[in-house]
Amino acid sequence: MPLISLTTNVKFASDEATKAFVTDLSKFSAKTIGKDEKLFSVDLSHNPYLAFAGTFEPAFMLSITVLDNVNPTNSQSWSKAFSDYFEEKLGTPSDRGYIAFLDPGEDFIGMMGSTVGALRAAASK
């Protein structure tokens, strides 16, 4: 159920280029976080008004919501990997964005008209 939500002021050349980037980001995220890509939801928002440090130079905001693996070691490793990835793919230096790592707990992620916690509990019976 990892949720990857990226906002950037970097504009892609075309819809095809945008879709290619999102597809690549999905694969990269799955590899980096270590979960099957079929579980991922990736959201990309272009915001030309995203200012970082008072300028509109290329920047990003990334939110990673994932159950069970958010910890200081993974956060450090993922921060490096995603920062390097965005520098290569978007041209955003690592000092032009923030990354939030969230694990809301299985009882606070809804799916299939229930919660992950309730679904896991029902599956274990």
PDB file of N, CA and C in Angstrom:
ATOM      1  N   MET A   1       0.785  -1.201   0.000  1.00  0.00           N
ATOM      2  CA  MET A   1       0.000   0.000   0.000  1.00  0.00           C
ATOM      3  C   MET A   1       0.826   1.264   0.000  1.00  0.00           C
ATOM      4  N   PRO A   2       2.093   1.191  -0.326  1.00  0.00           N
ATOM      5  CA  PRO A   2       2.851   2.444  -0.305  1.00  0.00           C
ATOM      6  C   PRO A   2       2.226   3.511  -1.204  1.00  0.00           C
ATOM      7  N   LEU A   3       2.151   4.704  -0.659  1.00  0.00           N
ATOM      8  CA  LEU A   3       1.646   5.864  -1.388  1.00  0.00           C
ATOM      9  C   LEU A   3       2.801   6.829  -1.612  1.00  0.00           C
ATOM     10  N   ILE A   4       3.069   7.133  -2.857  1.00  0.00           N
ATOM     11  CA  ILE A   4       4.136   8.056  -3.219  1.00  0.00           C
ATOM     12  C   ILE A   4       3.468   9.293  -3.800  1.00  0.00           C
ATOM     13  N   SER A   5       3.649  10.426  -3.162  1.00  0.00           N
ATOM     14  CA  SER A   5       3.020  11.660  -3.617  1.00  0.00           C
ATOM     15  C   SER A   5       4.098  12.724  -3.816  1.00  0.00           C
ATOM     16  N   LEU A   6       4.317  13.074  -5.073  1.00  0.00           N
ATOM     17  CA  LEU A   6       5.364  14.025  -5.439  1.00  0.00           C
ATOM     18  C   LEU A   6       4.738  15.284  -6.014  1.00  0.00           C
ATOM     19  N   THR A   7       5.141  16.421  -5.481  1.00  0.00           N
ATOM     20  CA  THR A   7       4.791  17.717  -6.054  1.00  0.00           C
ATOM     21  C   THR A   7       6.092  18.368  -6.486  1.00  0.00           C
ATOM     22  N   THR A   8       6.099  18.887  -7.701  1.00  0.00           N
ATOM     23  CA  THR A   8       7.297  19.554  -8.210  1.00  0.00           C
ATOM     24  C   THR A   8       6.898  20.724  -9.098  1.00  0.00           C
ATOM     25  N   ASN A   9       7.789  21.680  -9.209  1.00  0.00           N
ATOM     26  CA  ASN A   9       7.562  22.791 -10.134  1.00  0.00           C
ATOM     27  C   ASN A   9       8.242  22.538 -11.483  1.00  0.00           C
ATOM     28  N   VAL A  10       8.835  21.367 -11.633  1.00  0.00           N
ATOM     29  CA  VAL A  10       9.469  20.981 -12.888  1.00  0.00           C
ATOM     30  C   VAL A  10       8.387  20.503 -13.851  1.00  0.00           C
ATOM     31  N   LYS A  11       8.343  21.106 -15.027  1.00  0.00           N
ATOM     32  CA  LYS A  11       7.336  20.751 -16.032  1.00  0.00           C
ATOM     33  C   LYS A  11       7.950  19.785 -17.044  1.00  0.00           C
ATOM     34  N   PHE A  12       7.184  18.758 -17.385  1.00  0.00           N
ATOM     35  CA  PHE A  12       7.630  17.789 -18.375  1.00  0.00           C
ATOM     36  C   PHE A  12       7.247  18.279 -19.769  1.00  0.00           C
ATOM     37  N   ALA A  13       7.967  17.817 -20.761  1.00  0.00           N
ATOM     38  CA  ALA A  13       7.782  18.274 -22.134  1.00  0.00           C
ATOM     39  C   ALA A  13       6.441  17.858 -22.730  1.00  0.00           C
ATOM     40  N   SER A  14       5.890  16.729 -22.253  1.00  0.00           N
ATOM     41  CA  SER A  14       4.642  16.230 -22.843  1.00  0.00           C
ATOM     42  C   SER A  14       3.949  15.298 -21.857  1.00  0.00           C
ATOM     43  N   ASP A  15       2.714  14.955 -22.170  1.00  0.00           N
ATOM     44  CA  ASP A  15       2.000  13.964 -21.351  1.00  0.00           C
ATOM     45  C   ASP A  15       2.724  12.625 -21.386  1.00  0.00           C
ATOM     46  N   GLU A  16       3.259  12.259 -22.530  1.00  0.00           N
ATOM     47  CA  GLU A  16       3.989  10.995 -22.648  1.00  0.00           C
ATOM     48  C   GLU A  16       5.223  10.995 -21.739  1.00  0.00           C
ATOM     49  N   ALA A  17       5.935  12.108 -21.709  1.00  0.00           N
ATOM     50  CA  ALA A  17       7.113  12.216 -20.845  1.00  0.00           C
ATOM     51  C   ALA A  17       6.713  12.149 -19.374  1.00  0.00           C
ATOM     52  N   THR A  18       5.581  12.757 -19.048  1.00  0.00           N
ATOM     53  CA  THR A  18       5.079  12.720 -17.667  1.00  0.00           C
ATOM     54  C   THR A  18       4.728  11.293 -17.274  1.00  0.00           C
ATOM     55  N   LYS A  19       4.001  10.594 -18.130  1.00  0.00           N
ATOM     56  CA  LYS A  19       3.627   9.199 -17.854  1.00  0.00           C
ATOM     57  C   LYS A  19       4.855   8.314 -17.742  1.00  0.00           C
ATOM     58  N   ALA A  20       5.837   8.526 -18.600  1.00  0.00           N
ATOM     59  CA  ALA A  20       7.078   7.740 -18.531  1.00  0.00           C
ATOM     60  C   ALA A  20       7.788   7.973 -17.200  1.00  0.00           C
ATOM     61  N   PHE A  21       7.811   9.219 -16.747  1.00  0.00           N
ATOM     62  CA  PHE A  21       8.446   9.518 -15.460  1.00  0.00           C
ATOM     63  C   PHE A  21       7.698   8.836 -14.315  1.00  0.00           C
ATOM     64  N   VAL A  22       6.365   8.917 -14.310  1.00  0.00           N
ATOM     65  CA  VAL A  22       5.575   8.301 -13.236  1.00  0.00           C
ATOM     66  C   VAL A  22       5.796   6.785 -13.225  1.00  0.00           C
ATOM     67  N   THR A  23       5.818   6.166 -14.383  1.00  0.00           N
ATOM     68  CA  THR A  23       6.074   4.722 -14.470  1.00  0.00           C
ATOM     69  C   THR A  23       7.453   4.387 -13.917  1.00  0.00           C
ATOM     70  N   ASP A  24       8.441   5.184 -14.285  1.00  0.00           N
ATOM     71  CA  ASP A  24       9.798   4.957 -13.788  1.00  0.00           C
ATOM     72  C   ASP A  24       9.872   5.192 -12.282  1.00  0.00           C
ATOM     73  N   LEU A  25       9.199   6.240 -11.795  1.00  0.00           N
ATOM     74  CA  LEU A  25       9.185   6.527 -10.357  1.00  0.00           C
ATOM     75  C   LEU A  25       8.539   5.377  -9.586  1.00  0.00           C
ATOM     76  N   SER A  26       7.496   4.786 -10.136  1.00  0.00           N
ATOM     77  CA  SER A  26       6.840   3.648  -9.489  1.00  0.00           C
ATOM     78  C   SER A  26       7.818   2.480  -9.341  1.00  0.00           C
ATOM     79  N   LYS A  27       8.516   2.151 -10.411  1.00  0.00           N
ATOM     80  CA  LYS A  27       9.493   1.050 -10.373  1.00  0.00           C
ATOM     81  C   LYS A  27      10.634   1.368  -9.397  1.00  0.00           C
ATOM     82  N   PHE A  28      11.138   2.601  -9.474  1.00  0.00           N
ATOM     83  CA  PHE A  28      12.216   3.024  -8.581  1.00  0.00           C
ATOM     84  C   PHE A  28      11.775   2.953  -7.118  1.00  0.00           C
ATOM     85  N   SER A  29      10.566   3.425  -6.842  1.00  0.00           N
ATOM     86  CA  SER A  29      10.046   3.417  -5.466  1.00  0.00           C
ATOM     87  C   SER A  29       9.937   1.999  -4.927  1.00  0.00           C
ATOM     88  N   ALA A  30       9.397   1.090  -5.736  1.00  0.00           N
ATOM     89  CA  ALA A  30       9.247  -0.301  -5.309  1.00  0.00           C
ATOM     90  C   ALA A  30      10.608  -0.922  -4.999  1.00  0.00           C
ATOM     91  N   LYS A  31      11.566  -0.689  -5.867  1.00  0.00           N
ATOM     92  CA  LYS A  31      12.916  -1.231  -5.649  1.00  0.00           C
ATOM     93  C   LYS A  31      13.552  -0.627  -4.391  1.00  0.00           C
ATOM     94  N   THR A  32      13.435   0.678  -4.243  1.00  0.00           N
ATOM     95  CA  THR A  32      14.063   1.378  -3.110  1.00  0.00           C
ATOM     96  C   THR A  32      13.435   0.976  -1.784  1.00  0.00           C
ATOM     97  N   ILE A  33      12.112   0.907  -1.741  1.00  0.00           N
ATOM     98  CA  ILE A  33      11.401   0.614  -0.495  1.00  0.00           C
ATOM     99  C   ILE A  33      11.339  -0.890  -0.221  1.00  0.00           C
ATOM    100  N   GLY A  34      11.473  -1.681  -1.285  1.00  0.00           N
ATOM    101  CA  GLY A  34      11.527  -3.133  -1.100  1.00  0.00           C
ATOM    102  C   GLY A  34      10.167  -3.797  -0.996  1.00  0.00           C
ATOM    103  N   LYS A  35       9.209  -3.263  -1.721  1.00  0.00           N
ATOM    104  CA  LYS A  35       7.869  -3.869  -1.758  1.00  0.00           C
ATOM    105  C   LYS A  35       7.476  -4.048  -3.222  1.00  0.00           C
ATOM    106  N   ASP A  36       6.558  -4.972  -3.461  1.00  0.00           N
ATOM    107  CA  ASP A  36       6.102  -5.275  -4.807  1.00  0.00           C
ATOM    108  C   ASP A  36       5.442  -4.047  -5.432  1.00  0.00           C
ATOM    109  N   GLU A  37       5.808  -3.741  -6.669  1.00  0.00           N
ATOM    110  CA  GLU A  37       5.270  -2.551  -7.338  1.00  0.00           C
ATOM    111  C   GLU A  37       3.754  -2.579  -7.461  1.00  0.00           C
ATOM    112  N   LYS A  38       3.155  -3.758  -7.509  1.00  0.00           N
ATOM    113  CA  LYS A  38       1.697  -3.829  -7.663  1.00  0.00           C
ATOM    114  C   LYS A  38       0.959  -3.239  -6.457  1.00  0.00           C
ATOM    115  N   LEU A  39       1.668  -3.011  -5.356  1.00  0.00           N
ATOM    116  CA  LEU A  39       1.070  -2.426  -4.155  1.00  0.00           C
ATOM    117  C   LEU A  39       1.122  -0.895  -4.145  1.00  0.00           C
ATOM    118  N   PHE A  40       1.886  -0.300  -5.062  1.00  0.00           N
ATOM    119  CA  PHE A  40       2.162   1.136  -5.026  1.00  0.00           C
ATOM    120  C   PHE A  40       1.105   1.975  -5.718  1.00  0.00           C
ATOM    121  N   SER A  41       0.875   3.150  -5.161  1.00  0.00           N
ATOM    122  CA  SER A  41       0.097   4.205  -5.791  1.00  0.00           C
ATOM    123  C   SER A  41       1.025   5.412  -5.889  1.00  0.00           C
ATOM    124  N   VAL A  42       1.165   5.939  -7.095  1.00  0.00           N
ATOM    125  CA  VAL A  42       2.077   7.061  -7.322  1.00  0.00           C
ATOM    126  C   VAL A  42       1.275   8.241  -7.856  1.00  0.00           C
ATOM    127  N   ASP A  43       1.420   9.375  -7.202  1.00  0.00           N
ATOM    128  CA  ASP A  43       0.727  10.592  -7.586  1.00  0.00           C
ATOM    129  C   ASP A  43       1.763  11.673  -7.874  1.00  0.00           C
ATOM    130  N   LEU A  44       1.659  12.270  -9.043  1.00  0.00           N
ATOM    131  CA  LEU A  44       2.543  13.368  -9.419  1.00  0.00           C
ATOM    132  C   LEU A  44       1.700  14.617  -9.648  1.00  0.00           C
ATOM    133  N   SER A  45       2.063  15.691  -8.980  1.00  0.00           N
ATOM    134  CA  SER A  45       1.388  16.976  -9.175  1.00  0.00           C
ATOM    135  C   SER A  45       2.414  18.007  -9.624  1.00  0.00           C
ATOM    136  N   HIS A  46       2.081  18.700 -10.702  1.00  0.00           N
ATOM    137  CA  HIS A  46       2.914  19.812 -11.141  1.00  0.00           C
ATOM    138  C   HIS A  46       2.329  21.092 -10.557  1.00  0.00           C
ATOM    139  N   ASN A  47       3.146  21.833  -9.844  1.00  0.00           N
ATOM    140  CA  ASN A  47       2.720  23.105  -9.272  1.00  0.00           C
ATOM    141  C   ASN A  47       3.758  24.161  -9.646  1.00  0.00           C
ATOM    142  N   PRO A  48       3.481  24.969 -10.665  1.00  0.00           N
ATOM    143  CA  PRO A  48       4.462  25.969 -11.084  1.00  0.00           C
ATOM    144  C   PRO A  48       4.724  27.028 -10.013  1.00  0.00           C
ATOM    145  N   TYR A  49       3.859  27.072  -8.993  1.00  0.00           N
ATOM    146  CA  TYR A  49       4.006  28.066  -7.925  1.00  0.00           C
ATOM    147  C   TYR A  49       4.696  27.500  -6.690  1.00  0.00           C
ATOM    148  N   LEU A  50       5.250  26.308  -6.797  1.00  0.00           N
ATOM    149  CA  LEU A  50       5.996  25.735  -5.664  1.00  0.00           C
ATOM    150  C   LEU A  50       7.290  26.528  -5.486  1.00  0.00           C
ATOM    151  N   ALA A  51       7.369  27.224  -4.379  1.00  0.00           N
ATOM    152  CA  ALA A  51       8.583  27.969  -4.040  1.00  0.00           C
ATOM    153  C   ALA A  51       9.311  27.213  -2.937  1.00  0.00           C
ATOM    154  N   PHE A  52      10.606  27.191  -3.027  1.00  0.00           N
ATOM    155  CA  PHE A  52      11.436  26.573  -1.998  1.00  0.00           C
ATOM    156  C   PHE A  52      12.571  27.546  -1.719  1.00  0.00           C
ATOM    157  N   ALA A  53      12.773  27.862  -0.458  1.00  0.00           N
ATOM    158  CA  ALA A  53      13.808  28.815  -0.043  1.00  0.00           C
ATOM    159  C   ALA A  53      13.637  30.162  -0.749  1.00  0.00           C
ATOM    160  N   GLY A  54      12.380  30.518  -1.011  1.00  0.00           N
ATOM    161  CA  GLY A  54      12.087  31.829  -1.559  1.00  0.00           C
ATOM    162  C   GLY A  54      12.270  31.983  -3.051  1.00  0.00           C
ATOM    163  N   THR A  55      12.543  30.872  -3.772  1.00  0.00           N
ATOM    164  CA  THR A  55      12.706  30.963  -5.229  1.00  0.00           C
ATOM    165  C   THR A  55      11.869  29.891  -5.922  1.00  0.00           C
ATOM    166  N   PHE A  56      11.737  30.056  -7.218  1.00  0.00           N
ATOM    167  CA  PHE A  56      11.008  29.097  -8.041  1.00  0.00           C
ATOM    168  C   PHE A  56      11.951  28.216  -8.857  1.00  0.00           C
ATOM    169  N   GLU A  57      13.189  28.138  -8.434  1.00  0.00           N
ATOM    170  CA  GLU A  57      14.115  27.204  -9.075  1.00  0.00           C
ATOM    171  C   GLU A  57      13.565  25.790  -8.890  1.00  0.00           C
ATOM    172  N   PRO A  58      14.006  24.822  -9.722  1.00  0.00           N
ATOM    173  CA  PRO A  58      13.477  23.454  -9.608  1.00  0.00           C
ATOM    174  C   PRO A  58      13.506  22.938  -8.169  1.00  0.00           C
ATOM    175  N   ALA A  59      12.335  22.431  -7.739  1.00  0.00           N
ATOM    176  CA  ALA A  59      12.180  21.976  -6.352  1.00  0.00           C
ATOM    177  C   ALA A  59      11.139  20.860  -6.303  1.00  0.00           C
ATOM    178  N   PHE A  60      11.081  20.195  -5.149  1.00  0.00           N
ATOM    179  CA  PHE A  60      10.118  19.107  -4.976  1.00  0.00           C
ATOM    180  C   PHE A  60       9.692  18.982  -3.524  1.00  0.00           C
ATOM    181  N   MET A  61       8.543  18.360  -3.342  1.00  0.00           N
ATOM    182  CA  MET A  61       8.077  17.907  -2.028  1.00  0.00           C
ATOM    183  C   MET A  61       7.619  16.467  -2.244  1.00  0.00           C
ATOM    184  N   LEU A  62       8.093  15.552  -1.409  1.00  0.00           N
ATOM    185  CA  LEU A  62       7.742  14.147  -1.554  1.00  0.00           C
ATOM    186  C   LEU A  62       7.202  13.624  -0.235  1.00  0.00           C
ATOM    187  N   SER A  63       6.106  12.908  -0.325  1.00  0.00           N
ATOM    188  CA  SER A  63       5.540  12.231   0.836  1.00  0.00           C
ATOM    189  C   SER A  63       5.489  10.740   0.529  1.00  0.00           C
ATOM    190  N   ILE A  64       6.076   9.951   1.409  1.00  0.00           N
ATOM    191  CA  ILE A  64       6.080   8.494   1.280  1.00  0.00           C
ATOM    192  C   ILE A  64       5.317   7.934   2.467  1.00  0.00           C
ATOM    193  N   THR A  65       4.182   7.311   2.191  1.00  0.00           N
ATOM    194  CA  THR A  65       3.386   6.680   3.233  1.00  0.00           C
ATOM    195  C   THR A  65       3.480   5.182   3.026  1.00  0.00           C
ATOM    196  N   VAL A  66       3.976   4.477   4.030  1.00  0.00           N
ATOM    197  CA  VAL A  66       4.174   3.032   3.909  1.00  0.00           C
ATOM    198  C   VAL A  66       4.035   2.391   5.287  1.00  0.00           C
ATOM    199  N   LEU A  67       3.391   1.252   5.327  1.00  0.00           N
ATOM    200  CA  LEU A  67       3.246   0.517   6.588  1.00  0.00           C
ATOM    201  C   LEU A  67       4.469  -0.342   6.848  1.00  0.00           C
ATOM    202  N   ASP A  68       4.832  -0.460   8.099  1.00  0.00           N
ATOM    203  CA  ASP A  68       5.777  -1.451   8.607  1.00  0.00           C
ATOM    204  C   ASP A  68       7.261  -1.187   8.398  1.00  0.00           C
ATOM    205  N   ASN A  69       7.683  -0.292   7.496  1.00  0.00           N
ATOM    206  CA  ASN A  69       9.121  -0.130   7.347  1.00  0.00           C
ATOM    207  C   ASN A  69       9.675   1.265   7.604  1.00  0.00           C
ATOM    208  N   VAL A  70       8.909   2.165   8.126  1.00  0.00           N
ATOM    209  CA  VAL A  70       9.464   3.487   8.393  1.00  0.00           C
ATOM    210  C   VAL A  70      10.249   3.426   9.701  1.00  0.00           C
ATOM    211  N   ASN A  71      11.543   3.671   9.572  1.00  0.00           N
ATOM    212  CA  ASN A  71      12.440   3.715  10.727  1.00  0.00           C
ATOM    213  C   ASN A  71      13.624   4.609  10.354  1.00  0.00           C
ATOM    214  N   PRO A  72      14.429   5.008  11.325  1.00  0.00           N
ATOM    215  CA  PRO A  72      15.518   5.938  11.017  1.00  0.00           C
ATOM    216  C   PRO A  72      16.502   5.428   9.964  1.00  0.00           C
ATOM    217  N   THR A  73      16.812   4.143   9.977  1.00  0.00           N
ATOM    218  CA  THR A  73      17.759   3.598   9.000  1.00  0.00           C
ATOM    219  C   THR A  73      17.187   3.665   7.589  1.00  0.00           C
ATOM    220  N   ASN A  74      15.945   3.204   7.431  1.00  0.00           N
ATOM    221  CA  ASN A  74      15.317   3.256   6.105  1.00  0.00           C
ATOM    222  C   ASN A  74      15.106   4.687   5.643  1.00  0.00           C
ATOM    223  N   SER A  75      14.681   5.560   6.544  1.00  0.00           N
ATOM    224  CA  SER A  75      14.450   6.959   6.160  1.00  0.00           C
ATOM    225  C   SER A  75      15.727   7.594   5.617  1.00  0.00           C
ATOM    226  N   GLN A  76      16.839   7.325   6.259  1.00  0.00           N
ATOM    227  CA  GLN A  76      18.124   7.869   5.803  1.00  0.00           C
ATOM    228  C   GLN A  76      18.488   7.318   4.424  1.00  0.00           C
ATOM    229  N   SER A  77      18.357   6.014   4.261  1.00  0.00           N
ATOM    230  CA  SER A  77      18.679   5.363   2.986  1.00  0.00           C
ATOM    231  C   SER A  77      17.743   5.842   1.870  1.00  0.00           C
ATOM    232  N   TRP A  78      16.456   5.886   2.156  1.00  0.00           N
ATOM    233  CA  TRP A  78      15.483   6.321   1.151  1.00  0.00           C
ATOM    234  C   TRP A  78      15.682   7.783   0.786  1.00  0.00           C
ATOM    235  N   SER A  79      15.989   8.619   1.771  1.00  0.00           N
ATOM    236  CA  SER A  79      16.213  10.037   1.511  1.00  0.00           C
ATOM    237  C   SER A  79      17.344  10.219   0.499  1.00  0.00           C
ATOM    238  N   LYS A  80      18.428   9.511   0.697  1.00  0.00           N
ATOM    239  CA  LYS A  80      19.572   9.578  -0.223  1.00  0.00           C
ATOM    240  C   LYS A  80      19.162   9.092  -1.608  1.00  0.00           C
ATOM    241  N   ALA A  81      18.489   7.938  -1.668  1.00  0.00           N
ATOM    242  CA  ALA A  81      18.112   7.357  -2.962  1.00  0.00           C
ATOM    243  C   ALA A  81      17.168   8.269  -3.736  1.00  0.00           C
ATOM    244  N   PHE A  82      16.116   8.762  -3.086  1.00  0.00           N
ATOM    245  CA  PHE A  82      15.152   9.621  -3.781  1.00  0.00           C
ATOM    246  C   PHE A  82      15.769  10.966  -4.146  1.00  0.00           C
ATOM    247  N   SER A  83      16.580  11.533  -3.276  1.00  0.00           N
ATOM    248  CA  SER A  83      17.238  12.802  -3.605  1.00  0.00           C
ATOM    249  C   SER A  83      18.132  12.653  -4.828  1.00  0.00           C
ATOM    250  N   ASP A  84      18.915  11.584  -4.876  1.00  0.00           N
ATOM    251  CA  ASP A  84      19.774  11.334  -6.040  1.00  0.00           C
ATOM    252  C   ASP A  84      18.933  11.122  -7.298  1.00  0.00           C
ATOM    253  N   TYR A  85      17.845  10.381  -7.165  1.00  0.00           N
ATOM    254  CA  TYR A  85      16.951  10.105  -8.288  1.00  0.00           C
ATOM    255  C   TYR A  85      16.359  11.405  -8.840  1.00  0.00           C
ATOM    256  N   PHE A  86      15.863  12.264  -7.967  1.00  0.00           N
ATOM    257  CA  PHE A  86      15.259  13.521  -8.420  1.00  0.00           C
ATOM    258  C   PHE A  86      16.303  14.463  -9.022  1.00  0.00           C
ATOM    259  N   GLU A  87      17.510  14.426  -8.489  1.00  0.00           N
ATOM    260  CA  GLU A  87      18.562  15.264  -9.075  1.00  0.00           C
ATOM    261  C   GLU A  87      18.839  14.809 -10.514  1.00  0.00           C
ATOM    262  N   GLU A  88      18.892  13.487 -10.714  1.00  0.00           N
ATOM    263  CA  GLU A  88      19.144  12.954 -12.055  1.00  0.00           C
ATOM    264  C   GLU A  88      17.955  13.171 -12.994  1.00  0.00           C
ATOM    265  N   LYS A  89      16.747  12.855 -12.536  1.00  0.00           N
ATOM    266  CA  LYS A  89      15.571  12.852 -13.412  1.00  0.00           C
ATOM    267  C   LYS A  89      14.892  14.216 -13.558  1.00  0.00           C
ATOM    268  N   LEU A  90      14.920  15.027 -12.506  1.00  0.00           N
ATOM    269  CA  LEU A  90      14.229  16.319 -12.524  1.00  0.00           C
ATOM    270  C   LEU A  90      15.177  17.517 -12.546  1.00  0.00           C
ATOM    271  N   GLY A  91      16.444  17.291 -12.230  1.00  0.00           N
ATOM    272  CA  GLY A  91      17.383  18.396 -12.125  1.00  0.00           C
ATOM    273  C   GLY A  91      17.222  19.196 -10.848  1.00  0.00           C
ATOM    274  N   THR A  92      16.624  18.563  -9.819  1.00  0.00           N
ATOM    275  CA  THR A  92      16.437  19.244  -8.535  1.00  0.00           C
ATOM    276  C   THR A  92      17.551  18.830  -7.578  1.00  0.00           C
ATOM    277  N   PRO A  93      18.408  19.743  -7.176  1.00  0.00           N
ATOM    278  CA  PRO A  93      19.442  19.406  -6.203  1.00  0.00           C
ATOM    279  C   PRO A  93      18.820  18.947  -4.883  1.00  0.00           C
ATOM    280  N   SER A  94      19.545  18.161  -4.127  1.00  0.00           N
ATOM    281  CA  SER A  94      19.008  17.600  -2.880  1.00  0.00           C
ATOM    282  C   SER A  94      18.645  18.666  -1.855  1.00  0.00           C
ATOM    283  N   ASP A  95      19.191  19.862  -2.005  1.00  0.00           N
ATOM    284  CA  ASP A  95      18.846  20.932  -1.061  1.00  0.00           C
ATOM    285  C   ASP A  95      17.653  21.764  -1.542  1.00  0.00           C
ATOM    286  N   ARG A  96      16.889  21.220  -2.528  1.00  0.00           N
ATOM    287  CA  ARG A  96      15.725  21.937  -3.063  1.00  0.00           C
ATOM    288  C   ARG A  96      14.442  21.145  -2.850  1.00  0.00           C
ATOM    289  N   GLY A  97      14.395  20.389  -1.745  1.00  0.00           N
ATOM    290  CA  GLY A  97      13.173  19.656  -1.470  1.00  0.00           C
ATOM    291  C   GLY A  97      13.197  18.987  -0.119  1.00  0.00           C
ATOM    292  N   TYR A  98      12.016  18.586   0.313  1.00  0.00           N
ATOM    293  CA  TYR A  98      11.846  17.846   1.563  1.00  0.00           C
ATOM    294  C   TYR A  98      11.121  16.544   1.274  1.00  0.00           C
ATOM    295  N   ILE A  99      11.413  15.549   2.102  1.00  0.00           N
ATOM    296  CA  ILE A  99      10.764  14.246   1.998  1.00  0.00           C
ATOM    297  C   ILE A  99      10.178  13.913   3.364  1.00  0.00           C
ATOM    298  N   ALA A 100       8.901  13.553   3.383  1.00  0.00           N
ATOM    299  CA  ALA A 100       8.238  13.141   4.624  1.00  0.00           C
ATOM    300  C   ALA A 100       7.985  11.635   4.553  1.00  0.00           C
ATOM    301  N   PHE A 101       8.390  10.931   5.598  1.00  0.00           N
ATOM    302  CA  PHE A 101       8.184   9.484   5.699  1.00  0.00           C
ATOM    303  C   PHE A 101       7.110   9.241   6.749  1.00  0.00           C
ATOM    304  N   LEU A 102       6.030   8.590   6.345  1.00  0.00           N
ATOM    305  CA  LEU A 102       4.890   8.417   7.234  1.00  0.00           C
ATOM    306  C   LEU A 102       4.491   6.955   7.332  1.00  0.00           C
ATOM    307  N   ASP A 103       4.227   6.496   8.546  1.00  0.00           N
ATOM    308  CA  ASP A 103       3.608   5.197   8.781  1.00  0.00           C
ATOM    309  C   ASP A 103       2.435   5.463   9.722  1.00  0.00           C
ATOM    310  N   PRO A 104       1.233   5.624   9.155  1.00  0.00           N
ATOM    311  CA  PRO A 104       0.087   5.982   9.985  1.00  0.00           C
ATOM    312  C   PRO A 104      -0.441   4.823  10.821  1.00  0.00           C
ATOM    313  N   GLY A 105       0.037   3.610  10.552  1.00  0.00           N
ATOM    314  CA  GLY A 105      -0.477   2.436  11.244  1.00  0.00           C
ATOM    315  C   GLY A 105      -1.603   1.812  10.438  1.00  0.00           C
ATOM    316  N   GLU A 106      -1.715   0.507  10.531  1.00  0.00           N
ATOM    317  CA  GLU A 106      -2.664  -0.228   9.688  1.00  0.00           C
ATOM    318  C   GLU A 106      -4.127   0.122   9.944  1.00  0.00           C
ATOM    319  N   ASP A 107      -4.427   0.651  11.097  1.00  0.00           N
ATOM    320  CA  ASP A 107      -5.809   1.028  11.388  1.00  0.00           C
ATOM    321  C   ASP A 107      -6.188   2.397  10.824  1.00  0.00           C
ATOM    322  N   PHE A 108      -5.228   3.060  10.191  1.00  0.00           N
ATOM    323  CA  PHE A 108      -5.465   4.390   9.650  1.00  0.00           C
ATOM    324  C   PHE A 108      -5.234   4.463   8.146  1.00  0.00           C
ATOM    325  N   ILE A 109      -5.248   3.301   7.497  1.00  0.00           N
ATOM    326  CA  ILE A 109      -5.200   3.216   6.041  1.00  0.00           C
ATOM    327  C   ILE A 109      -6.452   2.468   5.599  1.00  0.00           C
ATOM    328  N   GLY A 110      -7.284   3.128   4.816  1.00  0.00           N
ATOM    329  CA  GLY A 110      -8.515   2.507   4.351  1.00  0.00           C
ATOM    330  C   GLY A 110      -8.346   1.895   2.975  1.00  0.00           C
ATOM    331  N   MET A 111      -9.018   0.787   2.769  1.00  0.00           N
ATOM    332  CA  MET A 111      -9.086   0.160   1.447  1.00  0.00           C
ATOM    333  C   MET A 111     -10.205  -0.869   1.440  1.00  0.00           C
ATOM    334  N   MET A 112     -10.810  -1.056   0.271  1.00  0.00           N
ATOM    335  CA  MET A 112     -11.864  -2.060   0.108  1.00  0.00           C
ATOM    336  C   MET A 112     -12.996  -1.873   1.124  1.00  0.00           C
ATOM    337  N   GLY A 113     -13.298  -0.624   1.464  1.00  0.00           N
ATOM    338  CA  GLY A 113     -14.381  -0.332   2.396  1.00  0.00           C
ATOM    339  C   GLY A 113     -14.073  -0.701   3.834  1.00  0.00           C
ATOM    340  N   SER A 114     -12.808  -0.892   4.150  1.00  0.00           N
ATOM    341  CA  SER A 114     -12.396  -1.280   5.496  1.00  0.00           C
ATOM    342  C   SER A 114     -11.059  -0.609   5.795  1.00  0.00           C
ATOM    343  N   THR A 115     -10.307  -1.187   6.722  1.00  0.00           N
ATOM    344  CA  THR A 115      -8.957  -0.717   6.992  1.00  0.00           C
ATOM    345  C   THR A 115      -7.997  -1.878   6.804  1.00  0.00           C
ATOM    346  N   VAL A 116      -6.742  -1.563   6.596  1.00  0.00           N
ATOM    347  CA  VAL A 116      -5.738  -2.611   6.452  1.00  0.00           C
ATOM    348  C   VAL A 116      -5.708  -3.475   7.706  1.00  0.00           C
ATOM    349  N   GLY A 117      -5.814  -2.852   8.871  1.00  0.00           N
ATOM    350  CA  GLY A 117      -5.799  -3.611  10.129  1.00  0.00           C
ATOM    351  C   GLY A 117      -6.932  -4.607  10.198  1.00  0.00           C
ATOM    352  N   ALA A 118      -8.155  -4.183   9.871  1.00  0.00           N
ATOM    353  CA  ALA A 118      -9.304  -5.085   9.909  1.00  0.00           C
ATOM    354  C   ALA A 118      -9.164  -6.186   8.863  1.00  0.00           C
ATOM    355  N   LEU A 119      -8.679  -5.847   7.676  1.00  0.00           N
ATOM    356  CA  LEU A 119      -8.506  -6.851   6.632  1.00  0.00           C
ATOM    357  C   LEU A 119      -7.440  -7.874   7.020  1.00  0.00           C
ATOM    358  N   ARG A 120      -6.344  -7.407   7.619  1.00  0.00           N
ATOM    359  CA  ARG A 120      -5.300  -8.340   8.070  1.00  0.00           C
ATOM    360  C   ARG A 120      -5.847  -9.258   9.169  1.00  0.00           C
ATOM    361  N   ALA A 121      -6.599  -8.681  10.078  1.00  0.00           N
ATOM    362  CA  ALA A 121      -7.166  -9.468  11.170  1.00  0.00           C
ATOM    363  C   ALA A 121      -8.119 -10.533  10.619  1.00  0.00           C
ATOM    364  N   ALA A 122      -8.957 -10.163   9.675  1.00  0.00           N
ATOM    365  CA  ALA A 122      -9.908 -11.114   9.087  1.00  0.00           C
ATOM    366  C   ALA A 122      -9.176 -12.213   8.325  1.00  0.00           C
ATOM    367  N   ALA A 123      -8.077 -11.867   7.654  1.00  0.00           N
ATOM    368  CA  ALA A 123      -7.317 -12.854   6.885  1.00  0.00           C
ATOM    369  C   ALA A 123      -6.593 -13.843   7.776  1.00  0.00           C
ATOM    370  N   SER A 124      -6.259 -13.430   8.997  1.00  0.00           N
ATOM    371  CA  SER A 124      -5.516 -14.319   9.895  1.00  0.00           C
ATOM    372  C   SER A 124      -6.415 -15.274  10.687  1.00  0.00           C
ATOM    373  N   LYS A 125      -7.734 -15.144  10.531  1.00  0.00           N
ATOM    374  CA  LYS A 125      -8.657 -16.011  11.261  1.00  0.00           C
ATOM    375  C   LYS A 125      -8.794 -17.350  10.573  1.00  0.00           C
TER     376      LYS A 125
END
